[in-house]
Protein backbone atom coordinates (compact mmCIF):
# COMPACT_ATOMS: atom_id res chain seq x y z
CA MET A 1 -71.26 72.26 -21.18
CA ARG A 2 -72.72 75.18 -19.23
CA LEU A 3 -75.47 77.04 -21.06
CA ASP A 4 -77.67 77.92 -18.06
CA ASP A 5 -76.91 81.63 -18.24
CA ILE A 6 -77.53 81.92 -22.00
CA ASN A 7 -81.02 83.06 -22.98
CA GLY A 8 -82.79 81.76 -26.07
CA ALA A 9 -82.54 78.45 -27.88
CA ASN A 10 -80.77 79.91 -30.93
CA GLU A 11 -78.08 81.57 -28.82
CA LYS A 12 -77.60 78.36 -26.84
CA ALA A 13 -77.05 76.51 -30.14
CA VAL A 14 -74.46 79.06 -31.26
CA ARG A 15 -72.57 78.73 -27.96
CA PHE A 16 -72.84 74.94 -27.78
CA PHE A 17 -69.37 74.32 -29.20
CA ASN A 18 -67.73 77.33 -27.52
CA LYS A 19 -64.56 75.98 -25.91
CA ASN A 20 -64.98 78.41 -23.00
CA ARG A 21 -68.20 76.67 -22.05
CA GLN A 22 -66.82 73.14 -22.06
CA TYR A 23 -65.53 71.69 -18.79
CA TYR A 24 -63.47 68.61 -17.94
CA LEU A 25 -63.39 67.55 -14.30
CA ALA A 26 -62.42 64.51 -12.27
CA GLN A 27 -65.66 63.62 -10.52
CA GLU A 28 -64.06 63.05 -7.13
CA GLY A 29 -63.32 66.79 -7.01
CA LEU A 30 -67.03 67.41 -6.56
CA LEU A 31 -66.89 65.54 -3.25
CA GLU A 32 -65.13 68.55 -1.75
CA ILE A 33 -68.26 70.69 -2.22
CA PRO A 34 -70.89 70.54 0.57
CA GLY A 35 -73.91 68.55 -0.60
CA PHE A 36 -71.95 67.19 -3.58
CA PRO A 37 -73.67 69.30 -6.25
CA ILE A 38 -72.66 68.63 -9.86
CA ALA A 39 -70.94 72.03 -10.08
CA TYR A 40 -68.65 70.95 -12.90
CA TRP A 41 -67.91 74.51 -14.04
CA LEU A 42 -65.93 75.40 -10.92
CA SER A 43 -62.19 75.80 -11.29
CA GLU A 44 -59.76 73.53 -9.44
CA LYS A 45 -58.78 76.51 -7.26
CA THR A 46 -62.41 77.09 -6.29
CA ILE A 47 -62.96 73.45 -5.43
CA LYS A 48 -59.87 73.47 -3.21
CA LEU A 49 -61.24 76.52 -1.38
CA PHE A 50 -64.05 74.32 -0.10
CA GLN A 51 -61.38 72.55 1.95
CA SER A 52 -60.96 75.76 4.00
CA LYS A 53 -62.58 76.19 7.40
CA LYS A 54 -66.34 76.50 7.20
CA LEU A 55 -68.24 79.49 8.53
CA LEU A 56 -69.77 77.09 11.06
CA LYS A 57 -66.39 77.08 12.88
CA TYR A 58 -66.82 80.78 13.65
CA GLY A 59 -70.38 80.83 14.94
CA LYS A 60 -73.89 79.50 14.59
CA ALA A 61 -76.73 80.02 12.13
CA SER A 62 -80.30 79.28 13.03
CA GLU A 63 -83.93 79.99 12.39
CA GLU A 64 -85.75 81.39 15.41
CA VAL A 65 -89.41 81.94 16.30
CA LYS A 66 -92.25 80.20 14.49
CA THR A 67 -95.57 81.53 15.82
CA GLY A 68 -97.88 78.94 14.27
CA ASN A 69 -100.39 81.78 13.72
CA ASN A 70 -98.97 85.00 12.31
CA GLU A 71 -102.42 86.61 12.04
CA GLU A 72 -102.78 86.41 15.82
CA PHE A 73 -99.29 87.16 17.02
CA ILE A 74 -97.70 89.51 14.45
CA ARG A 75 -98.51 93.11 13.54
CA ASN A 76 -96.98 95.86 11.44
CA TRP A 77 -95.18 98.06 13.96
CA PHE A 78 -97.26 101.12 13.03
CA GLU A 79 -100.57 99.41 13.86
CA VAL A 80 -100.07 99.13 17.60
CA CYS A 81 -99.42 101.70 20.32
CA LEU A 82 -95.81 102.85 20.06
CA LYS A 83 -95.44 102.88 23.85
CA LYS A 84 -96.03 99.12 23.94
CA ILE A 85 -93.09 98.28 21.66
CA MET A 86 -89.71 97.31 23.10
CA PHE A 87 -87.38 99.65 21.24
CA ASP A 88 -84.92 99.60 24.15
CA ILE A 89 -83.56 96.20 25.16
CA ASN A 90 -83.74 97.32 28.79
CA SER A 91 -87.47 98.08 28.61
CA VAL A 92 -89.69 96.42 31.19
CA ASN A 93 -93.32 97.22 30.32
CA TYR A 94 -93.91 96.13 26.74
CA LYS A 95 -96.08 93.74 24.77
CA TRP A 96 -94.55 93.93 21.30
CA VAL A 97 -90.98 93.27 20.17
CA PRO A 98 -89.53 94.21 16.75
CA TYR A 99 -89.56 91.14 14.51
CA HIS A 100 -87.70 90.45 11.28
CA LYS A 101 -89.44 88.34 8.64
CA GLY A 102 -86.96 88.51 5.77
CA GLY A 103 -88.48 90.59 3.01
CA GLU A 104 -87.17 92.05 -0.20
CA PHE A 105 -83.58 92.07 -1.46
CA ARG A 106 -81.91 94.68 0.72
CA LYS A 107 -78.39 94.73 2.14
CA TRP A 108 -76.97 96.00 5.41
CA TYR A 109 -80.04 97.34 7.23
CA GLY A 110 -83.81 97.51 6.88
CA ASN A 111 -86.93 95.43 6.22
CA LEU A 112 -87.90 96.12 9.84
CA ASP A 113 -91.67 96.24 9.38
CA TRP A 114 -93.07 93.92 12.02
CA VAL A 115 -93.55 93.35 15.75
CA ILE A 116 -94.36 90.14 17.58
CA ASN A 117 -96.38 89.60 20.75
CA TRP A 118 -93.63 88.84 23.27
CA GLU A 119 -95.51 89.70 26.43
CA LYS A 120 -94.27 87.64 29.37
CA ASP A 121 -91.45 86.21 27.28
CA GLY A 122 -93.77 85.05 24.51
CA LYS A 123 -96.06 83.10 26.79
CA GLU A 124 -99.06 83.08 24.44
CA ILE A 125 -96.99 81.97 21.45
CA LYS A 126 -95.32 79.21 23.43
CA SER A 127 -98.72 77.73 24.28
CA ALA A 128 -99.97 78.00 20.70
CA GLU A 129 -100.31 74.98 18.45
CA ASN A 130 -97.59 74.54 15.79
CA SER A 131 -95.34 77.20 17.33
CA GLY A 132 -91.62 76.54 17.50
CA PHE A 133 -88.49 78.06 19.02
CA GLN A 134 -85.00 77.52 17.69
CA GLY A 135 -81.71 79.29 18.32
CA ARG A 136 -82.66 80.45 21.83
CA SER A 137 -79.05 81.35 22.58
CA MET A 138 -79.29 83.98 19.81
CA TYR A 139 -82.37 85.80 21.15
CA PHE A 140 -81.75 89.54 21.60
CA LYS A 141 -78.02 89.21 20.87
CA GLY A 142 -77.65 91.38 17.75
CA VAL A 143 -77.28 89.11 14.73
CA ILE A 144 -76.92 89.24 10.96
CA SER A 145 -79.87 87.92 8.98
CA TRP A 146 -81.01 87.11 5.45
CA SER A 147 -84.23 86.30 3.63
CA LYS A 148 -84.62 82.56 3.31
CA VAL A 149 -86.49 82.75 0.00
CA THR A 150 -84.82 84.95 -2.61
CA SER A 151 -84.53 85.25 -6.37
CA ARG A 152 -81.59 87.68 -6.41
CA GLY A 153 -79.00 86.17 -4.11
CA ILE A 154 -78.14 86.67 -0.48
CA SER A 155 -78.57 90.08 1.13
CA ILE A 156 -77.38 90.30 4.71
CA ARG A 157 -78.85 92.79 7.18
CA TYR A 158 -77.84 93.62 10.73
CA LEU A 159 -80.52 93.13 13.39
CA PRO A 160 -80.13 95.20 16.59
CA THR A 161 -80.32 93.55 20.01
CA ASN A 162 -84.03 94.35 20.45
CA VAL A 163 -85.09 92.42 17.32
CA LEU A 164 -86.21 88.80 17.10
CA PHE A 165 -86.35 86.91 13.79
CA ASP A 166 -88.50 84.16 12.33
CA SER A 167 -88.11 81.04 10.24
CA GLY A 168 -88.22 83.10 7.05
CA SER A 169 -85.13 85.06 8.04
CA PRO A 170 -82.40 82.72 9.34
CA SER A 171 -79.58 84.52 11.14
CA PHE A 172 -75.95 84.08 12.17
CA LYS A 173 -74.19 84.92 15.43
CA SER A 174 -70.40 84.65 15.64
CA ASN A 175 -68.66 83.17 18.65
CA SER A 176 -65.82 85.72 18.48
CA ASP A 177 -67.51 89.07 17.84
CA ILE A 178 -66.74 89.20 14.11
CA GLU A 179 -70.31 89.84 12.87
CA TYR A 180 -69.28 92.79 10.71
CA TYR A 181 -66.45 90.85 9.09
CA VAL A 182 -68.84 87.97 8.34
CA MET A 183 -71.41 90.45 7.11
CA GLY A 184 -68.92 91.91 4.65
CA PHE A 185 -68.08 88.44 3.36
CA LEU A 186 -71.69 87.29 2.99
CA ASN A 187 -72.66 90.47 1.12
CA SER A 188 -69.75 90.04 -1.30
CA VAL A 189 -69.66 88.46 -4.76
CA VAL A 190 -67.44 85.73 -3.30
CA SER A 191 -70.12 84.30 -1.01
CA TYR A 192 -72.68 84.54 -3.80
CA TYR A 193 -70.29 82.65 -6.10
CA PHE A 194 -70.01 79.83 -3.57
CA LEU A 195 -73.71 79.77 -2.75
CA LYS A 196 -74.68 79.40 -6.41
CA SER A 197 -72.53 76.27 -6.45
CA ILE A 198 -73.95 74.82 -3.25
CA ASN A 199 -77.58 75.75 -3.86
CA PRO A 200 -78.46 77.08 -7.34
CA THR A 201 -82.10 77.62 -6.30
CA LEU A 202 -80.98 80.18 -3.69
CA ASN A 203 -83.57 79.06 -1.18
CA LEU A 204 -80.97 79.80 1.42
CA GLN A 205 -81.03 77.27 4.22
CA VAL A 206 -79.02 77.55 7.42
CA GLY A 207 -76.77 74.69 6.31
CA ASN A 208 -75.93 76.43 3.03
CA VAL A 209 -74.52 79.46 4.81
CA GLU A 210 -72.77 77.54 7.59
CA SER A 211 -70.94 75.39 5.03
CA LEU A 212 -69.38 78.32 3.15
CA PRO A 213 -65.57 78.35 3.12
CA PHE A 214 -64.55 81.23 5.36
CA ILE A 215 -61.14 82.88 5.53
CA TYR A 216 -60.59 85.18 8.50
CA THR A 217 -57.45 87.28 8.78
CA GLU A 218 -56.73 89.95 11.38
CA LYS A 219 -54.66 91.77 8.77
CA LYS A 220 -57.83 92.72 6.89
CA ASP A 221 -60.19 92.86 9.87
CA LYS A 222 -60.06 96.62 10.53
CA SER A 223 -60.39 97.68 6.91
CA ILE A 224 -63.32 95.29 6.33
CA VAL A 225 -65.10 96.33 9.52
CA LYS A 226 -64.64 100.02 8.71
CA LEU A 227 -66.22 99.54 5.28
CA VAL A 228 -69.10 97.49 6.71
CA GLU A 229 -69.77 100.11 9.39
CA ALA A 230 -69.96 102.76 6.67
CA CYS A 231 -72.32 100.60 4.59
CA LEU A 232 -74.52 99.99 7.61
CA GLU A 233 -74.64 103.69 8.47
CA ILE A 234 -75.62 104.65 4.92
CA SER A 235 -78.27 101.95 4.66
CA LYS A 236 -79.80 102.88 8.01
CA ALA A 237 -79.87 106.57 7.06
CA ASP A 238 -81.68 105.61 3.86
CA TRP A 239 -84.18 103.38 5.69
CA ASP A 240 -84.88 106.10 8.26
CA SER A 241 -85.53 108.72 5.56
CA PHE A 242 -88.97 107.22 5.00
CA GLU A 243 -91.89 107.31 7.41
CA THR A 244 -92.34 103.54 7.48
CA SER A 245 -89.22 103.38 9.67
CA TRP A 246 -89.81 103.67 13.41
CA ASP A 247 -86.63 105.80 13.54
CA PHE A 248 -87.93 108.27 10.94
CA LYS A 249 -87.16 111.80 12.18
CA VAL A 250 -88.18 114.36 9.57
CA HIS A 251 -89.06 114.37 5.88
CA PRO A 252 -86.04 114.92 3.58
CA LEU A 253 -87.66 117.95 1.91
CA VAL A 254 -87.86 119.56 5.35
CA GLU A 255 -84.46 118.35 6.50
CA PHE A 256 -82.67 119.68 3.41
CA ARG A 257 -84.59 122.93 2.98
CA GLN A 258 -83.12 126.40 3.35
CA ALA A 259 -84.84 129.36 5.04
CA ALA A 260 -87.60 130.91 2.88
CA SER A 261 -86.61 128.62 0.03
CA ARG A 262 -88.29 126.74 -2.79
CA ILE A 263 -89.21 123.07 -2.55
CA ALA A 264 -87.37 122.55 -5.82
CA GLU A 265 -84.15 123.60 -4.06
CA ALA A 266 -84.85 121.33 -1.10
CA PHE A 267 -85.42 118.44 -3.50
CA ALA A 268 -82.15 119.20 -5.31
CA ASN A 269 -80.31 119.12 -1.97
CA TRP A 270 -81.98 115.84 -1.01
CA GLN A 271 -81.23 114.43 -4.47
CA ALA A 272 -77.53 115.26 -4.05
CA GLU A 273 -77.44 113.60 -0.63
CA ALA A 274 -79.25 110.48 -1.85
CA GLU A 275 -76.87 110.22 -4.80
CA ARG A 276 -73.87 110.62 -2.48
CA ARG A 277 -75.16 107.76 -0.35
CA PHE A 278 -75.79 105.61 -3.42
CA GLN A 279 -72.36 106.14 -4.96
CA THR A 280 -70.54 105.78 -1.63
CA LEU A 281 -72.32 102.53 -0.85
CA LYS A 282 -71.57 101.20 -4.32
CA ALA A 283 -67.88 102.10 -3.99
CA ASN A 284 -67.70 100.50 -0.53
CA GLU A 285 -69.29 97.28 -1.77
CA GLU A 286 -66.90 97.14 -4.70
CA GLU A 287 -63.96 97.61 -2.33
CA LEU A 288 -65.26 94.79 -0.11
CA ASN A 289 -65.57 92.61 -3.22
CA ARG A 290 -62.00 93.50 -4.16
CA ILE A 291 -60.69 92.55 -0.71
CA PHE A 292 -62.49 89.20 -0.55
CA ILE A 293 -61.67 88.29 -4.15
CA GLY A 294 -58.02 88.86 -3.23
CA LEU A 295 -58.27 86.87 0.01
CA TYR A 296 -59.72 83.89 -1.84
CA GLY A 297 -57.47 84.24 -4.88
CA LEU A 298 -60.41 84.41 -7.27
CA GLU A 299 -59.16 87.23 -9.50
CA ASP A 300 -59.54 84.97 -12.56
CA GLU A 301 -63.07 83.98 -11.61
CA LEU A 302 -64.74 87.17 -10.34
CA THR A 303 -64.79 90.93 -10.81
CA PRO A 304 -65.55 93.43 -8.02
CA GLY A 305 -68.02 95.60 -9.92
CA VAL A 306 -71.52 96.15 -8.50
CA GLU A 307 -74.44 96.92 -10.81
CA ASP A 308 -76.65 99.87 -9.91
CA LYS A 309 -79.68 97.59 -9.56
CA ASP A 310 -77.92 95.73 -6.74
CA VAL A 311 -77.23 98.86 -4.67
CA THR A 312 -80.09 98.79 -2.17
CA VAL A 313 -80.40 102.40 -1.07
CA ARG A 314 -82.88 104.63 -2.81
CA ARG A 315 -82.06 107.48 -5.14
CA ALA A 316 -84.28 110.54 -5.01
CA ASP A 317 -87.49 110.26 -7.00
CA VAL A 318 -89.39 113.51 -7.38
CA LEU A 319 -92.87 111.98 -7.67
CA ARG A 320 -92.37 109.53 -4.81
CA ASP A 321 -90.78 112.21 -2.62
CA VAL A 322 -93.48 114.82 -3.27
CA LYS A 323 -96.18 112.27 -2.47
CA SER A 324 -94.36 111.27 0.70
CA PHE A 325 -94.12 114.96 1.65
CA LEU A 326 -97.90 115.23 1.27
CA SER A 327 -98.22 112.18 3.53
CA TYR A 328 -95.84 113.77 6.05
CA ALA A 329 -98.00 116.91 5.98
CA VAL A 330 -101.06 114.83 6.83
CA GLY A 331 -99.07 113.44 9.76
CA LEU A 332 -98.43 117.01 10.90
CA MET A 333 -102.13 117.80 10.62
CA PHE A 334 -102.98 114.93 12.97
CA GLY A 335 -100.05 115.37 15.36
CA ARG A 336 -98.26 112.16 14.44
CA TYR A 337 -95.31 114.43 13.72
CA SER A 338 -94.42 117.88 14.96
CA LEU A 339 -92.32 120.69 13.53
CA ASP A 340 -90.99 121.21 17.07
CA GLU A 341 -89.67 117.68 17.71
CA GLU A 342 -87.97 115.03 15.62
CA GLY A 343 -89.45 111.62 15.02
CA LEU A 344 -92.79 110.14 15.98
CA VAL A 345 -94.44 112.47 18.49
CA PHE A 346 -97.74 110.64 18.91
CA ALA A 347 -98.69 107.07 18.05
CA GLY A 348 -100.87 106.03 20.96
CA GLY A 349 -101.35 106.98 24.59
CA GLU A 350 -102.45 110.40 25.87
CA PHE A 351 -102.55 113.08 23.20
CA ASP A 352 -101.00 116.37 24.33
CA LEU A 353 -101.58 119.46 22.16
CA GLY A 354 -98.96 121.26 24.25
CA ARG A 355 -96.19 119.54 22.28
CA TYR A 356 -97.03 121.52 19.15
CA GLU A 357 -96.26 125.22 18.81
CA THR A 358 -95.00 125.90 15.28
CA PHE A 359 -97.96 124.11 13.72
CA VAL A 360 -100.93 123.03 15.83
CA PRO A 361 -102.60 119.78 14.67
CA ASP A 362 -106.32 119.36 14.17
CA ALA A 363 -108.11 119.50 17.52
CA ASP A 364 -110.94 117.05 16.78
CA ASN A 365 -109.03 114.45 14.71
CA VAL A 366 -111.15 114.98 11.57
CA ILE A 367 -109.75 116.40 8.32
CA PRO A 368 -112.46 116.83 5.64
CA ILE A 369 -111.64 116.30 1.97
CA ALA A 370 -114.02 117.78 -0.59
CA ASP A 371 -113.95 118.95 -4.20
CA GLU A 372 -114.45 122.53 -2.95
CA MET A 373 -113.32 124.33 0.18
CA TYR A 374 -116.41 123.83 2.36
CA PHE A 375 -114.66 123.76 5.77
CA GLU A 376 -112.12 125.96 7.55
CA ASP A 377 -109.96 122.93 8.37
CA ASP A 378 -110.13 121.69 4.78
CA ILE A 379 -107.15 119.50 3.96
CA VAL A 380 -105.83 121.77 1.20
CA SER A 381 -106.00 124.92 3.33
CA ARG A 382 -104.16 123.11 6.14
CA PHE A 383 -101.54 121.94 3.67
CA VAL A 384 -101.02 125.49 2.41
CA ASP A 385 -100.55 126.61 6.03
CA ILE A 386 -97.81 123.99 6.45
CA LEU A 387 -96.06 125.13 3.28
CA LYS A 388 -96.03 128.70 4.52
CA ILE A 389 -94.57 127.71 7.89
CA VAL A 390 -91.91 125.35 6.52
CA PHE A 391 -90.83 127.24 3.40
CA GLY A 392 -92.09 130.77 4.02
CA ASP A 393 -94.60 132.98 2.19
CA GLU A 394 -92.26 134.39 -0.41
CA HIS A 395 -92.25 131.39 -2.75
CA LEU A 396 -95.62 129.87 -1.80
CA GLU A 397 -97.05 129.88 -5.33
CA ASP A 398 -93.81 128.53 -6.79
CA ASN A 399 -93.90 125.70 -4.27
CA LEU A 400 -97.54 124.91 -4.97
CA ASP A 401 -96.75 124.88 -8.70
CA PHE A 402 -93.79 122.54 -8.15
CA ILE A 403 -95.97 120.06 -6.28
CA ALA A 404 -98.85 120.29 -8.76
CA ASP A 405 -96.55 119.95 -11.78
CA THR A 406 -94.87 116.92 -10.21
CA LEU A 407 -98.28 115.30 -9.74
CA THR A 408 -99.09 116.29 -13.37
CA ARG A 409 -101.81 118.84 -13.96
CA ARG A 410 -104.70 118.82 -16.35
CA ALA A 411 -105.15 121.66 -18.82
CA ASN A 412 -106.24 124.87 -17.07
CA GLU A 413 -106.00 123.21 -13.64
CA THR A 414 -104.61 125.45 -10.88
CA SER A 415 -102.01 124.15 -8.46
CA ARG A 416 -104.51 124.10 -5.60
CA GLN A 417 -107.03 122.23 -7.74
CA ARG A 418 -104.45 119.58 -8.62
CA ILE A 419 -103.41 119.12 -5.00
CA ARG A 420 -107.09 118.90 -4.01
CA ARG A 421 -107.68 116.27 -6.67
CA TYR A 422 -104.72 114.27 -5.36
CA PHE A 423 -106.11 114.22 -1.82
CA LEU A 424 -109.61 113.47 -3.07
CA LYS A 425 -108.80 110.75 -5.59
CA GLU A 426 -105.28 109.39 -5.10
CA PHE A 427 -103.90 109.93 -1.60
CA TYR A 428 -105.63 107.02 0.08
CA LYS A 429 -104.61 104.53 -2.58
CA ASP A 430 -100.98 105.57 -2.07
CA HIS A 431 -101.40 105.41 1.70
CA LEU A 432 -102.69 101.83 1.53
CA GLN A 433 -99.75 100.81 -0.63
CA ILE A 434 -97.14 102.40 1.65
CA TYR A 435 -98.71 100.93 4.79
CA GLN A 436 -99.29 97.45 3.34
CA LYS A 437 -103.10 97.74 3.50
CA ARG A 438 -102.88 98.46 7.22
CA PRO A 439 -103.63 102.22 7.12
CA ILE A 440 -102.98 104.53 10.06
CA TYR A 441 -105.16 107.26 8.54
CA TRP A 442 -108.72 106.05 7.97
CA LEU A 443 -110.94 107.49 5.26
CA PHE A 444 -114.65 108.00 5.95
CA ASP A 445 -116.01 107.69 2.41
CA SER A 446 -119.60 107.96 1.17
CA GLY A 447 -118.92 106.42 -2.25
CA LYS A 448 -118.15 106.96 -5.92
CA GLN A 449 -119.68 110.45 -6.14
CA ASP A 450 -117.19 111.77 -3.57
CA GLY A 451 -120.11 113.22 -1.67
CA PHE A 452 -118.30 113.03 1.65
CA LYS A 453 -114.74 112.17 2.60
CA ALA A 454 -112.83 112.80 5.80
CA LEU A 455 -109.58 111.44 7.23
CA VAL A 456 -109.09 110.47 10.88
CA TYR A 457 -105.98 109.23 12.67
CA LEU A 458 -106.25 105.70 14.05
CA HIS A 459 -104.09 106.36 17.13
CA ARG A 460 -106.30 109.30 18.18
CA TYR A 461 -109.54 107.38 17.80
CA GLU A 462 -112.12 107.44 20.59
CA PRO A 463 -115.61 105.86 20.63
CA GLY A 464 -117.48 109.10 19.89
CA LEU A 465 -115.49 109.88 16.75
CA ALA A 466 -117.95 108.44 14.21
CA ALA A 467 -120.77 110.48 15.78
CA ARG A 468 -118.66 113.65 15.55
CA VAL A 469 -117.83 112.97 11.90
CA ARG A 470 -121.54 112.54 11.20
CA THR A 471 -122.94 115.55 13.04
CA ASP A 472 -120.13 118.09 12.65
CA TYR A 473 -119.02 117.25 9.13
CA LEU A 474 -121.38 115.03 7.15
CA HIS A 475 -124.48 117.03 8.07
CA ALA A 476 -122.62 120.29 7.45
CA GLN A 477 -121.56 118.97 4.05
CA GLN A 478 -125.18 118.14 3.20
CA ARG A 479 -126.26 121.68 4.10
CA LYS A 480 -123.50 123.07 1.85
CA TYR A 481 -124.81 120.97 -1.03
CA GLU A 482 -128.37 122.18 -0.45
CA GLU A 483 -127.17 125.80 -0.45
CA GLU A 484 -125.17 125.27 -3.64
CA ILE A 485 -128.13 123.60 -5.35
CA GLU A 486 -130.27 126.65 -4.46
CA ARG A 487 -127.60 128.91 -5.89
CA MET A 488 -127.56 126.90 -9.12
CA ASP A 489 -131.34 127.24 -9.34
CA ILE A 490 -131.04 131.02 -9.03
CA LEU A 491 -128.44 131.04 -11.81
CA LEU A 492 -130.66 128.92 -14.04
CA GLU A 493 -133.54 131.36 -13.57
CA SER A 494 -131.42 134.47 -14.03
CA ASP A 495 -130.43 136.32 -17.17
CA VAL A 496 -127.02 134.73 -17.78
CA SER A 497 -125.40 133.29 -20.87
CA LYS A 498 -126.35 129.91 -22.26
CA GLN A 499 -122.84 128.66 -21.46
CA GLU A 500 -123.19 129.67 -17.82
CA LYS A 501 -126.60 127.98 -17.60
CA THR A 502 -125.16 124.78 -19.06
CA ARG A 503 -122.38 124.87 -16.48
CA ALA A 504 -124.87 125.55 -13.68
CA ARG A 505 -127.08 122.66 -14.81
CA LYS A 506 -124.13 120.23 -14.78
CA ASN A 507 -123.05 121.45 -11.36
CA LYS A 508 -126.57 121.02 -10.02
CA GLU A 509 -126.77 117.44 -11.32
CA LYS A 510 -123.44 116.64 -9.70
CA LEU A 511 -124.46 118.25 -6.39
CA GLN A 512 -127.76 116.36 -6.37
CA LYS A 513 -125.95 113.05 -6.82
CA GLN A 514 -123.52 113.95 -4.03
CA LEU A 515 -126.36 114.98 -1.72
CA LEU A 516 -128.28 111.77 -2.42
CA GLU A 517 -125.13 109.74 -1.71
CA CYS A 518 -124.61 111.61 1.57
CA GLN A 519 -128.20 110.98 2.66
CA SER A 520 -127.80 107.24 2.07
CA TYR A 521 -124.39 107.26 3.78
CA ASP A 522 -125.90 109.06 6.76
CA GLN A 523 -127.96 105.97 7.60
CA ILE A 524 -124.85 103.77 7.47
CA ILE A 525 -122.67 106.01 9.63
CA ALA A 526 -125.55 106.62 12.08
CA HIS A 527 -125.74 102.88 12.73
CA VAL A 528 -122.02 102.75 13.62
CA ALA A 529 -122.11 106.05 15.54
CA ASN A 530 -124.87 104.71 17.79
CA GLN A 531 -122.83 101.60 18.56
CA LYS A 532 -119.77 103.69 19.54
CA PRO A 533 -117.32 100.91 18.66
CA ASP A 534 -114.22 100.77 20.82
CA LEU A 535 -110.86 99.79 19.35
CA ASP A 536 -107.99 97.79 20.76
CA LEU A 537 -104.83 98.70 18.85
CA ASP A 538 -103.31 95.35 19.83
CA ASP A 539 -105.90 93.64 17.61
CA GLY A 540 -104.39 95.31 14.55
CA VAL A 541 -105.93 97.32 11.73
CA LYS A 542 -107.60 94.40 9.98
CA VAL A 543 -109.77 93.50 12.98
CA ASN A 544 -110.55 97.09 14.00
CA TYR A 545 -111.29 98.29 10.46
CA ALA A 546 -113.86 95.52 10.01
CA LYS A 547 -116.03 97.11 12.72
CA PHE A 548 -116.87 99.89 10.26
CA GLN A 549 -117.47 97.77 7.17
CA ASN A 550 -120.23 95.62 5.65
CA ILE A 551 -123.00 97.38 7.56
CA GLU A 552 -126.59 96.20 6.97
CA ILE A 553 -129.62 98.29 7.97
CA PRO A 554 -133.16 96.87 7.70
CA GLN A 555 -135.47 98.94 5.47
CA GLY A 556 -138.85 97.59 6.43
CA GLU A 557 -140.89 94.56 5.46
CA GLY A 558 -140.39 93.39 1.90
CA LYS A 559 -137.44 95.70 1.28
CA LYS A 560 -133.83 94.75 0.91
CA PRO A 561 -131.55 95.96 3.71
CA LEU A 562 -129.35 98.97 3.03
CA LYS A 563 -125.75 97.81 2.78
CA GLY A 564 -122.62 99.89 2.89
CA ASN A 565 -119.24 100.69 4.33
CA VAL A 566 -118.35 103.58 6.60
CA LEU A 567 -114.71 103.54 5.54
CA ALA A 568 -113.07 103.28 2.13
CA LYS A 569 -112.43 99.71 1.04
CA ILE A 570 -108.97 98.31 1.64
């Protein structure tokens, strides 16, 4: 009796004598199933299907590179210099190669987050202890891959010819150029149905996939391949719509805008496109299910429907997309992106301001963030400039309101105040989440009082940057506080209302705390500025970031050392 898929003891008891859940099977039938699992619930027709040719007859599945030390040999692709990554299989001078490590449940394309040190054909890895290399004949061939450990079933993704894969993402290469056909089968309900029988834990080993019964027919080849190509195109377009893809070109709210338009309209256009992708992909997957159910004669066992939760492209989400637009704007401020060119314009190498005409990025690689507009290149003023350029002046206030309302305003909070609060309090937390705690924008942060904050771009770092942040921005911020404190003192001594004096007193207390925090922070950042730390992007964010953290400065005999961080904690 099969009660595995019934939740709750009471419901199991009710169903215990349900005739539809009772099975009678000659035990020798189970010998037809690879691994001989006690899959007693399978129909006689299903068991006979296991007598068909196995997928192994049509190609090979394998794990690939095991580094033995991922910390040393693997990076997120956005940590290192872009020019050192082999995006073209014909590249000669490179150190890093795109590397697939499995990842979340996602079909067709994506989860391309990593690069591996493959300089001199992986020489360093090959000499490392506990490293391993399997499936050498599949290296750089263009394969289909899945996540070895999964809780939701198999999700096959295509890996281009410049991508290697590891032991956590076994892959398959056909011996007759039928990858897309196989991909369609493995992403169908039919393969999942078989895999649940072979391995109910769905820790998908190479042998599990190779032993699947596989029916290939030229009659259906073209229609299956056409559907798979469409699924792959949609999934790649979705993946590339977000800045964590190395093929990201432009933010959707910019791509789908109209001249002198409102952001709300751009979002509606993007929402319609995202929904079209979602529904088209769902329909294509259901058609593939229908074809394979028919090929295997499993109409009585399976249905072709796909639940929305299993469609792995993203629908529009106004909060996520507004926040990602703010992140894109920061990229424009630093020159990572340009309004004159698509894609990543600068991520390492020689920085050239000549590539930016429509919007010129920050010249000194420092964007201050404060609770008031103390600097000309203040992050909110730069963001407003970008809005004007991209969407025009006519609807500027409407667009600021749309963004602020999406972020959720406090009572009596202006749109600019809400956007400022987001950059001051929330942006960096979101950035760390998106970039897997390997940030590309680094936040100089004095502490809880928000006395001083400034963003810099990792790929534009140079050894004198900390000194410039200190002298040109931190010290200027301190002088601003001193001036504001003097102004509050004048207000407190003047003939103003009691309410105004109360407000002035609170502001003065806040400013004094911020000034005191800045003065303490000045000692910490001075220590690092004097050292002029150099960075090697190949070492990754974790190693480089640590050079600015856990600073200790002696305070004289009998006193505890001053401890602090230059950058916000990760």
